[in-house]
Amino acid sequence: MNVELVEGLKDLKTGALLNLLAVLLIFFSMGMMFATFGFTPMREIEPEEILGMMAIFGVFALLFLLAIILSLASFVMYFKATGHLKNYDEKYGIGRKGMILEIVGVVLMLISFIPIIATGMKLEETHYAVSGGVIAAFLLIFAGAIALIVGAILFGVMLIRLEEVERDFKVAGILYFVGMALSFFTGIIGVLIGIATTVLIYISAKSALRRLSIA
């Protein structure tokens, strides 16, 4: 039994579980908000209702923050998993490259706010200066999106290659591609397929670990 493979599968399993918990928290918090305010008729808010609304918004914000923390923890576990799998077999290193590209993509998108903010603070600048700031922000967002897409593709390829360890990983990898493609056209369907992919990653990793422990 290879230690690196086992640790990689354990981290994949944990990352998938954390990701599922984050998604459940997001759906629960949004459902709570909709159930509270979605069926409330438009009327003037009474002063005594303000505290109750503030409490609900506070719970929503807390759950959403917890979901973000779980998502970040999930990403860290996936990143660790790709490192272990790369050490086990270099062909799985493509997943680590994908994760690094996704980090670069997120950083580029965050940096894109700098020229936007700078442009907003200098409204007295010429039209060319303002246009330059907007173009710079657009280019950073575009480059970040490309990095995220390529990174996701590389991670999906790693999942497909893990078919040698557990065959259901191939299905997860294919669904990963389908969900990513559909998210650009039909967001909700892409999200649902993404959830199904995460469930498959969890089940595949758990099944592979069980089989390796018996072998």
Protein backbone atom coordinates (compact mmCIF):
# COMPACT_ATOMS: atom_id res chain seq x y z
CA MET A 1 0.00 0.00 0.00
CA ASN A 2 1.55 3.30 -1.11
CA VAL A 3 1.37 5.97 1.60
CA GLU A 4 1.25 8.87 -0.87
CA LEU A 5 -1.70 7.34 -2.72
CA VAL A 6 -3.60 6.69 0.50
CA GLU A 7 -2.98 10.21 1.81
CA GLY A 8 -3.99 11.70 -1.54
CA LEU A 9 -7.26 9.78 -1.55
CA LYS A 10 -7.95 10.74 2.07
CA ASP A 11 -7.45 14.42 1.24
CA LEU A 12 -9.67 14.12 -1.85
CA LYS A 13 -12.38 12.53 0.29
CA THR A 14 -12.09 15.21 2.99
CA GLY A 15 -12.03 18.01 0.41
CA ALA A 16 -15.17 16.68 -1.26
CA LEU A 17 -16.95 16.37 2.09
CA LEU A 18 -16.05 19.94 3.08
CA ASN A 19 -17.22 21.19 -0.30
CA LEU A 20 -20.56 19.42 0.08
CA LEU A 21 -21.03 20.90 3.55
CA ALA A 22 -20.30 24.37 2.16
CA VAL A 23 -22.89 23.93 -0.59
CA LEU A 24 -25.48 22.67 1.91
CA LEU A 25 -24.88 25.70 4.12
CA ILE A 26 -25.31 28.07 1.19
CA PHE A 27 -28.57 26.42 0.10
CA PHE A 28 -29.84 26.34 3.69
CA SER A 29 -29.03 30.01 4.33
CA MET A 30 -30.61 31.09 1.03
CA GLY A 31 -33.66 28.93 1.72
CA MET A 32 -33.97 30.48 5.17
CA MET A 33 -33.87 33.99 3.70
CA PHE A 34 -36.41 33.12 1.01
CA ALA A 35 -38.75 31.42 3.49
CA THR A 36 -38.58 34.46 5.75
CA PHE A 37 -38.88 37.27 3.21
CA GLY A 38 -39.96 35.59 -0.03
CA PHE A 39 -43.59 35.26 0.99
CA THR A 40 -43.79 38.46 3.00
CA PRO A 41 -46.19 40.96 1.39
CA MET A 42 -44.91 44.44 0.66
CA ARG A 43 -45.83 46.65 3.60
CA GLU A 44 -44.34 49.12 6.01
CA ILE A 45 -41.97 47.46 8.49
CA GLU A 46 -42.93 47.84 12.12
CA PRO A 47 -40.18 49.06 14.49
CA GLU A 48 -40.41 45.92 16.63
CA GLU A 49 -39.74 43.77 13.54
CA ILE A 50 -36.38 45.36 12.83
CA LEU A 51 -34.54 43.39 15.53
CA GLY A 52 -35.94 40.12 14.22
CA MET A 53 -34.87 40.98 10.67
CA MET A 54 -31.41 41.95 11.87
CA ALA A 55 -31.11 38.62 13.69
CA ILE A 56 -32.10 36.70 10.54
CA PHE A 57 -29.62 38.65 8.44
CA GLY A 58 -26.97 37.98 11.09
CA VAL A 59 -27.59 34.22 10.97
CA PHE A 60 -27.52 34.35 7.17
CA ALA A 61 -24.20 36.23 7.17
CA LEU A 62 -22.72 33.80 9.72
CA LEU A 63 -23.76 30.73 7.71
CA PHE A 64 -22.48 32.28 4.50
CA LEU A 65 -19.13 33.10 6.14
CA LEU A 66 -18.88 29.54 7.44
CA ALA A 67 -19.60 28.25 3.93
CA ILE A 68 -16.75 30.38 2.55
CA ILE A 69 -14.38 29.03 5.22
CA LEU A 70 -15.39 25.45 4.39
CA SER A 71 -14.89 26.13 0.67
CA LEU A 72 -11.39 27.45 1.32
CA ALA A 73 -10.62 24.44 3.53
CA SER A 74 -11.91 22.17 0.75
CA PHE A 75 -9.59 23.84 -1.75
CA VAL A 76 -6.63 23.37 0.62
CA MET A 77 -7.43 19.67 0.99
CA TYR A 78 -7.71 19.24 -2.79
CA PHE A 79 -4.37 21.05 -3.17
CA LYS A 80 -2.75 18.71 -0.62
CA ALA A 81 -4.29 15.72 -2.39
CA THR A 82 -2.76 16.70 -5.74
CA GLY A 83 0.65 16.94 -4.06
CA HIS A 84 0.41 13.44 -2.60
CA LEU A 85 -0.88 12.00 -5.87
CA LYS A 86 1.94 13.69 -7.79
CA ASN A 87 4.46 12.09 -5.44
CA TYR A 88 2.78 8.74 -6.02
CA ASP A 89 2.84 9.05 -9.83
CA GLU A 90 4.05 12.02 -11.86
CA LYS A 91 1.15 11.71 -14.31
CA TYR A 92 -1.20 12.89 -11.56
CA GLY A 93 0.90 16.04 -11.20
CA ILE A 94 -1.35 17.63 -13.82
CA GLY A 95 -3.89 18.12 -11.03
CA ARG A 96 -1.40 20.15 -8.97
CA LYS A 97 -0.68 22.34 -12.01
CA GLY A 98 -4.41 22.87 -12.41
CA MET A 99 -4.83 23.95 -8.79
CA ILE A 100 -1.94 26.42 -9.11
CA LEU A 101 -3.53 27.90 -12.24
CA GLU A 102 -6.82 28.29 -10.37
CA ILE A 103 -5.01 30.21 -7.61
CA VAL A 104 -3.41 32.45 -10.25
CA GLY A 105 -6.84 33.02 -11.82
CA VAL A 106 -8.39 34.09 -8.52
CA VAL A 107 -5.45 36.42 -7.76
CA LEU A 108 -5.71 38.05 -11.21
CA MET A 109 -9.43 38.64 -10.74
CA LEU A 110 -8.84 40.20 -7.34
CA ILE A 111 -6.08 42.42 -8.77
CA SER A 112 -8.52 43.58 -11.47
CA PHE A 113 -10.26 45.71 -8.82
CA ILE A 114 -7.16 47.88 -8.44
CA PRO A 115 -7.43 49.72 -11.80
CA ILE A 116 -11.22 49.99 -11.33
CA ILE A 117 -10.80 51.61 -7.90
CA ALA A 118 -7.94 53.78 -9.15
CA THR A 119 -10.09 54.97 -12.06
CA GLY A 120 -12.98 55.74 -9.75
CA MET A 121 -10.75 57.83 -7.49
CA LYS A 122 -9.48 59.93 -10.43
CA LEU A 123 -12.64 60.98 -12.22
CA GLU A 124 -10.96 64.22 -13.25
CA GLU A 125 -8.53 62.26 -15.44
CA THR A 126 -8.87 62.28 -19.20
CA HIS A 127 -11.14 59.94 -21.08
CA TYR A 128 -8.09 57.98 -22.26
CA ALA A 129 -6.89 57.42 -18.70
CA VAL A 130 -10.31 56.16 -17.60
CA SER A 131 -10.56 53.89 -20.65
CA GLY A 132 -7.07 52.55 -19.91
CA GLY A 133 -8.10 51.58 -16.39
CA VAL A 134 -11.23 49.82 -17.61
CA ILE A 135 -9.30 47.97 -20.32
CA ALA A 136 -6.64 46.90 -17.81
CA ALA A 137 -9.33 45.55 -15.48
CA PHE A 138 -11.02 43.69 -18.35
CA LEU A 139 -7.74 42.10 -19.45
CA LEU A 140 -6.98 40.95 -15.90
CA ILE A 141 -10.47 39.45 -15.54
CA PHE A 142 -10.14 37.74 -18.94
CA ALA A 143 -6.70 36.33 -18.08
CA GLY A 144 -7.99 35.18 -14.69
CA ALA A 145 -10.99 33.44 -16.28
CA ILE A 146 -8.73 31.64 -18.77
CA ALA A 147 -6.43 30.50 -15.95
CA LEU A 148 -9.43 29.21 -13.96
CA ILE A 149 -10.83 27.32 -16.95
CA VAL A 150 -7.50 25.74 -17.90
CA GLY A 151 -6.83 24.88 -14.26
CA ALA A 152 -10.23 23.21 -13.94
CA ILE A 153 -9.59 21.22 -17.12
CA LEU A 154 -6.25 19.96 -15.79
CA PHE A 155 -7.86 18.93 -12.50
CA GLY A 156 -10.57 17.09 -14.45
CA VAL A 157 -7.91 15.25 -16.47
CA MET A 158 -6.33 14.11 -13.21
CA LEU A 159 -9.69 12.73 -12.06
CA ILE A 160 -10.06 10.78 -15.31
CA ARG A 161 -6.56 9.35 -14.93
CA LEU A 162 -7.48 8.19 -11.43
CA GLU A 163 -9.70 5.63 -13.16
CA GLU A 164 -6.75 3.28 -12.70
CA VAL A 165 -7.29 3.53 -8.95
CA GLU A 166 -11.10 3.58 -8.94
CA ARG A 167 -13.16 3.49 -12.14
CA ASP A 168 -15.84 5.91 -10.91
CA PHE A 169 -13.23 8.68 -10.90
CA LYS A 170 -13.51 8.69 -14.71
CA VAL A 171 -17.23 9.45 -14.48
CA ALA A 172 -16.46 12.22 -11.98
CA GLY A 173 -13.90 13.71 -14.36
CA ILE A 174 -16.32 13.65 -17.30
CA LEU A 175 -19.11 15.21 -15.22
CA TYR A 176 -16.61 17.82 -14.05
CA PHE A 177 -16.09 18.91 -17.68
CA VAL A 178 -19.82 18.81 -18.49
CA GLY A 179 -20.73 20.84 -15.40
CA MET A 180 -18.05 23.43 -16.13
CA ALA A 181 -19.24 23.82 -19.75
CA LEU A 182 -22.94 24.05 -18.82
CA SER A 183 -22.25 26.62 -16.08
CA PHE A 184 -21.52 29.16 -18.82
CA PHE A 185 -24.96 28.66 -20.37
CA THR A 186 -27.31 27.29 -17.71
CA GLY A 187 -25.91 28.14 -14.30
CA ILE A 188 -28.23 26.06 -12.11
CA ILE A 189 -27.70 22.87 -14.16
CA GLY A 190 -23.94 23.38 -14.00
CA VAL A 191 -24.16 23.81 -10.23
CA LEU A 192 -26.21 20.62 -9.82
CA ILE A 193 -23.77 18.63 -11.97
CA GLY A 194 -20.93 20.11 -9.92
CA ILE A 195 -22.59 18.80 -6.75
CA ALA A 196 -23.00 15.37 -8.35
CA THR A 197 -19.30 15.45 -9.30
CA THR A 198 -18.30 16.23 -5.72
CA VAL A 199 -20.46 13.36 -4.44
CA LEU A 200 -18.78 11.01 -6.92
CA ILE A 201 -15.31 12.16 -5.86
CA TYR A 202 -16.22 11.44 -2.23
CA ILE A 203 -17.70 8.01 -3.03
CA SER A 204 -14.81 7.05 -5.35
CA ALA A 205 -12.15 8.06 -2.84
CA LYS A 206 -13.94 6.24 -0.02
CA SER A 207 -14.34 3.10 -2.15
CA ALA A 208 -10.69 3.15 -3.24
CA LEU A 209 -9.51 3.55 0.37
CA ARG A 210 -11.67 0.65 1.49
CA ARG A 211 -10.31 -1.55 -1.29
CA LEU A 212 -6.70 -0.56 -0.54
CA SER A 213 -7.14 -1.32 3.17
CA ILE A 214 -8.29 -4.86 2.32
CA ALA A 215 -5.52 -5.51 -0.23
